[in-house]
């Protein structure tokens, strides 16, 4: 009878230990899950900000590369002129 009681106490202690360890693991996993989720949200916000910046840069590039803008800068700031047909020389290979 004493052996059975002793065995039951050992089993109860082991089960209690296993349940405690399981609960501790659950807490750790949930904490890690929250940390990973927060990192995911941060990265998504960075991605969205970079996408907005990329769109703005593409718009700026298309604006700066317009032919009439380049031609205006060439005339006004660089004092360039359109060559006359007489000034054009065609070089054949």
N, C-alpha and C. Protein backbone atom coordinates (compact mmCIF):
# COMPACT_ATOMS: atom_id res chain seq x y z
N UNK A 1 0.82 -1.19 0.00
CA UNK A 1 0.00 0.00 0.00
C UNK A 1 0.88 1.27 0.00
N UNK A 2 1.97 1.24 0.81
CA UNK A 2 2.87 2.38 0.86
C UNK A 2 3.56 2.59 -0.48
N UNK A 3 3.88 1.50 -1.15
CA UNK A 3 4.52 1.61 -2.47
C UNK A 3 3.58 2.25 -3.48
N UNK A 4 2.31 1.86 -3.42
CA UNK A 4 1.34 2.44 -4.35
C UNK A 4 1.18 3.94 -4.08
N UNK A 5 1.11 4.30 -2.82
CA UNK A 5 0.96 5.70 -2.44
C UNK A 5 2.20 6.49 -2.87
N UNK A 6 3.37 5.93 -2.63
CA UNK A 6 4.61 6.57 -3.04
C UNK A 6 4.67 6.72 -4.56
N UNK A 7 4.26 5.68 -5.28
CA UNK A 7 4.24 5.71 -6.75
C UNK A 7 3.27 6.76 -7.24
N UNK A 8 2.10 6.85 -6.61
CA UNK A 8 1.11 7.86 -7.01
C UNK A 8 1.64 9.28 -6.77
N UNK A 9 2.35 9.47 -5.65
CA UNK A 9 2.93 10.79 -5.37
C UNK A 9 3.98 11.16 -6.43
N UNK A 10 4.79 10.18 -6.80
CA UNK A 10 5.82 10.42 -7.82
C UNK A 10 5.15 10.77 -9.14
N UNK A 11 4.13 10.00 -9.50
CA UNK A 11 3.41 10.27 -10.76
C UNK A 11 2.76 11.65 -10.70
N UNK A 12 2.16 12.01 -9.58
CA UNK A 12 1.53 13.31 -9.43
C UNK A 12 2.57 14.43 -9.55
N UNK A 13 3.72 14.26 -8.93
CA UNK A 13 4.79 15.25 -9.03
C UNK A 13 5.27 15.37 -10.48
N UNK A 14 5.45 14.26 -11.16
CA UNK A 14 5.88 14.28 -12.56
C UNK A 14 4.85 14.95 -13.45
N UNK A 15 3.58 14.61 -13.25
CA UNK A 15 2.53 15.23 -14.06
C UNK A 15 2.44 16.74 -13.80
N UNK A 16 2.57 17.12 -12.54
CA UNK A 16 2.54 18.54 -12.20
C UNK A 16 3.72 19.26 -12.86
N UNK A 17 4.88 18.62 -12.84
CA UNK A 17 6.06 19.21 -13.47
C UNK A 17 5.87 19.34 -14.98
N UNK A 18 5.31 18.31 -15.58
CA UNK A 18 5.08 18.34 -17.03
C UNK A 18 4.07 19.43 -17.38
N UNK A 19 3.02 19.56 -16.60
CA UNK A 19 2.01 20.59 -16.86
C UNK A 19 2.62 21.98 -16.69
N UNK A 20 3.44 22.17 -15.66
CA UNK A 20 4.10 23.45 -15.44
C UNK A 20 5.03 23.79 -16.60
N UNK A 21 5.81 22.82 -17.04
CA UNK A 21 6.73 23.06 -18.16
C UNK A 21 5.95 23.37 -19.44
N UNK A 22 4.84 22.67 -19.62
CA UNK A 22 4.00 22.91 -20.80
C UNK A 22 3.43 24.34 -20.76
N UNK A 23 2.98 24.77 -19.60
CA UNK A 23 2.43 26.13 -19.46
C UNK A 23 3.52 27.16 -19.71
N UNK A 24 4.72 26.90 -19.20
CA UNK A 24 5.83 27.81 -19.41
C UNK A 24 6.19 27.90 -20.90
N UNK A 25 6.20 26.78 -21.57
CA UNK A 25 6.47 26.76 -23.01
C UNK A 25 5.40 27.54 -23.78
N UNK A 26 4.16 27.39 -23.36
CA UNK A 26 3.06 28.12 -24.01
C UNK A 26 3.27 29.62 -23.88
N UNK A 27 3.64 30.08 -22.70
CA UNK A 27 3.89 31.51 -22.49
C UNK A 27 5.04 31.98 -23.38
N UNK A 28 6.12 31.21 -23.43
CA UNK A 28 7.26 31.59 -24.26
C UNK A 28 6.91 31.63 -25.74
N UNK A 29 6.16 30.66 -26.19
CA UNK A 29 5.77 30.62 -27.61
C UNK A 29 4.86 31.79 -27.96
N UNK A 30 3.93 32.11 -27.08
CA UNK A 30 3.04 33.25 -27.34
C UNK A 30 3.82 34.56 -27.36
N UNK A 31 4.76 34.68 -26.46
CA UNK A 31 5.59 35.90 -26.44
C UNK A 31 6.39 36.01 -27.74
N UNK A 32 6.99 34.92 -28.16
CA UNK A 32 7.76 34.94 -29.40
C UNK A 32 6.86 35.24 -30.59
N UNK A 33 5.67 34.68 -30.58
CA UNK A 33 4.70 34.93 -31.65
C UNK A 33 4.34 36.42 -31.72
N UNK A 34 4.14 37.04 -30.58
CA UNK A 34 3.82 38.48 -30.55
C UNK A 34 4.98 39.30 -31.08
N UNK A 35 6.19 38.92 -30.69
CA UNK A 35 7.38 39.65 -31.16
C UNK A 35 7.52 39.54 -32.68
N UNK A 36 7.29 38.34 -33.20
CA UNK A 36 7.39 38.13 -34.65
C UNK A 36 6.30 38.92 -35.37
N UNK A 37 5.10 38.95 -34.81
CA UNK A 37 4.00 39.69 -35.42
C UNK A 37 4.30 41.19 -35.43
N UNK A 38 4.87 41.70 -34.33
CA UNK A 38 5.24 43.13 -34.28
C UNK A 38 6.31 43.43 -35.33
N UNK A 39 7.27 42.54 -35.49
CA UNK A 39 8.31 42.73 -36.51
C UNK A 39 7.68 42.72 -37.90
N UNK A 40 6.73 41.81 -38.12
CA UNK A 40 6.04 41.75 -39.40
C UNK A 40 5.33 43.06 -39.70
N UNK A 41 4.64 43.61 -38.71
CA UNK A 41 3.93 44.87 -38.92
C UNK A 41 4.91 46.00 -39.24
N UNK A 42 6.03 46.02 -38.55
CA UNK A 42 7.04 47.05 -38.81
C UNK A 42 7.57 46.93 -40.23
N UNK A 43 7.86 45.71 -40.65
CA UNK A 43 8.37 45.50 -42.00
C UNK A 43 7.32 45.85 -43.07
N UNK A 44 6.06 45.57 -42.79
CA UNK A 44 5.01 45.93 -43.74
C UNK A 44 4.88 47.44 -43.86
N UNK A 45 5.01 48.15 -42.74
CA UNK A 45 4.96 49.61 -42.79
C UNK A 45 6.15 50.17 -43.57
N UNK A 46 7.31 49.57 -43.38
CA UNK A 46 8.49 50.01 -44.14
C UNK A 46 8.28 49.74 -45.62
N UNK A 47 7.72 48.57 -45.95
CA UNK A 47 7.46 48.24 -47.35
C UNK A 47 6.50 49.25 -47.97
N UNK A 48 5.45 49.59 -47.25
CA UNK A 48 4.47 50.54 -47.77
C UNK A 48 5.11 51.92 -47.98
N UNK A 49 5.93 52.35 -47.02
CA UNK A 49 6.61 53.64 -47.16
C UNK A 49 7.57 53.62 -48.35
N UNK A 50 8.28 52.52 -48.53
CA UNK A 50 9.19 52.42 -49.67
C UNK A 50 8.43 52.39 -51.00
N UNK A 51 7.27 51.75 -51.02
CA UNK A 51 6.45 51.74 -52.24
C UNK A 51 5.97 53.15 -52.59
N UNK A 52 5.58 53.91 -51.58
CA UNK A 52 5.15 55.30 -51.81
C UNK A 52 6.32 56.12 -52.35
N UNK A 53 7.49 55.96 -51.72
CA UNK A 53 8.67 56.70 -52.17
C UNK A 53 9.06 56.29 -53.59
N UNK A 54 8.96 55.02 -53.90
CA UNK A 54 9.29 54.53 -55.25
C UNK A 54 8.36 55.16 -56.28
N UNK A 55 7.07 55.23 -55.97
CA UNK A 55 6.12 55.86 -56.87
C UNK A 55 6.42 57.33 -57.09
N UNK A 56 6.80 58.02 -56.01
CA UNK A 56 7.15 59.44 -56.12
C UNK A 56 8.41 59.63 -56.96
N UNK A 57 9.38 58.74 -56.79
CA UNK A 57 10.61 58.84 -57.58
C UNK A 57 10.35 58.56 -59.06
N UNK A 58 9.48 57.61 -59.35
CA UNK A 58 9.14 57.34 -60.75
C UNK A 58 8.44 58.54 -61.38
N UNK A 59 7.54 59.16 -60.62
CA UNK A 59 6.84 60.34 -61.12
C UNK A 59 7.83 61.49 -61.35
N UNK A 60 8.74 61.67 -60.41
CA UNK A 60 9.75 62.72 -60.55
C UNK A 60 10.66 62.45 -61.75
N UNK A 61 11.03 61.20 -61.94
CA UNK A 61 11.89 60.86 -63.08
C UNK A 61 11.18 61.14 -64.40
N UNK A 62 9.92 60.76 -64.47
CA UNK A 62 9.20 61.00 -65.73
C UNK A 62 9.02 62.50 -65.98
N UNK A 63 8.86 63.26 -64.91
CA UNK A 63 8.73 64.72 -65.06
C UNK A 63 10.05 65.33 -65.52
N UNK A 64 11.15 64.91 -64.91
CA UNK A 64 12.45 65.49 -65.24
C UNK A 64 12.94 65.06 -66.62
N UNK A 65 12.46 63.95 -67.11
CA UNK A 65 12.95 63.43 -68.39
C UNK A 65 12.08 63.84 -69.58
N UNK A 66 11.11 64.71 -69.36
CA UNK A 66 10.27 65.13 -70.47
C UNK A 66 11.10 65.92 -71.48
N UNK A 67 10.83 65.67 -72.75
CA UNK A 67 11.62 66.24 -73.83
C UNK A 67 11.60 67.76 -73.82
N UNK A 68 10.44 68.34 -73.64
CA UNK A 68 10.36 69.81 -73.69
C UNK A 68 11.10 70.46 -72.52
N UNK A 69 11.14 69.81 -71.37
CA UNK A 69 11.88 70.34 -70.23
C UNK A 69 13.38 70.32 -70.52
N UNK A 70 13.86 69.23 -71.06
CA UNK A 70 15.28 69.11 -71.41
C UNK A 70 15.64 70.14 -72.47
N UNK A 71 14.76 70.31 -73.44
CA UNK A 71 15.02 71.29 -74.51
C UNK A 71 15.05 72.71 -73.95
N UNK A 72 14.15 73.02 -73.03
CA UNK A 72 14.12 74.35 -72.42
C UNK A 72 15.40 74.62 -71.63
N UNK A 73 15.84 73.63 -70.86
CA UNK A 73 17.08 73.80 -70.09
C UNK A 73 18.27 73.97 -71.04
N UNK A 74 18.28 73.21 -72.13
CA UNK A 74 19.38 73.33 -73.09
C UNK A 74 19.42 74.73 -73.69
N UNK A 75 18.26 75.29 -74.01
CA UNK A 75 18.21 76.65 -74.59
C UNK A 75 18.60 77.71 -73.56
N UNK A 76 17.99 77.67 -72.39
CA UNK A 76 18.15 78.76 -71.43
C UNK A 76 19.45 78.69 -70.63
N UNK A 77 19.76 77.53 -70.08
CA UNK A 77 20.91 77.46 -69.18
C UNK A 77 22.21 77.14 -69.90
N UNK A 78 22.15 76.37 -70.97
CA UNK A 78 23.37 75.97 -71.65
C UNK A 78 23.62 76.73 -72.95
N UNK A 79 22.72 77.65 -73.28
CA UNK A 79 22.83 78.45 -74.50
C UNK A 79 23.00 77.58 -75.75
N UNK A 80 22.26 76.50 -75.79
CA UNK A 80 22.33 75.62 -76.96
C UNK A 80 21.23 76.02 -77.94
N UNK A 81 21.47 75.77 -79.21
CA UNK A 81 20.46 76.06 -80.23
C UNK A 81 20.28 74.83 -81.11
N UNK A 82 19.16 74.79 -81.78
CA UNK A 82 18.90 73.71 -82.72
C UNK A 82 19.74 73.96 -83.96
N UNK A 83 20.51 72.98 -84.42
CA UNK A 83 21.35 73.21 -85.61
C UNK A 83 20.48 73.33 -86.86
N UNK A 84 20.94 74.13 -87.76
CA UNK A 84 20.23 74.29 -89.04
C UNK A 84 20.59 73.10 -89.92
N UNK A 85 19.80 72.83 -90.92
CA UNK A 85 20.14 71.70 -91.81
C UNK A 85 21.52 71.86 -92.45
N UNK A 86 21.96 73.09 -92.66
CA UNK A 86 23.28 73.34 -93.24
C UNK A 86 24.40 72.89 -92.28
N UNK A 87 24.16 72.98 -90.95
CA UNK A 87 25.17 72.63 -89.96
C UNK A 87 25.25 71.13 -89.67
N UNK A 88 24.27 70.38 -90.12
CA UNK A 88 24.23 68.93 -89.84
C UNK A 88 25.08 68.19 -90.86
N UNK A 89 25.97 67.35 -90.35
CA UNK A 89 26.83 66.53 -91.22
C UNK A 89 26.50 65.07 -90.95
N UNK A 90 26.17 64.34 -91.96
CA UNK A 90 25.85 62.91 -91.84
C UNK A 90 27.11 62.13 -92.16
N UNK A 91 27.50 61.28 -91.24
CA UNK A 91 28.70 60.46 -91.41
C UNK A 91 28.26 59.05 -91.74
N UNK A 92 28.73 58.53 -92.86
CA UNK A 92 28.38 57.17 -93.26
C UNK A 92 29.54 56.24 -92.91
N UNK A 93 29.23 55.03 -92.48
CA UNK A 93 30.30 54.09 -92.12
C UNK A 93 31.07 53.58 -93.32
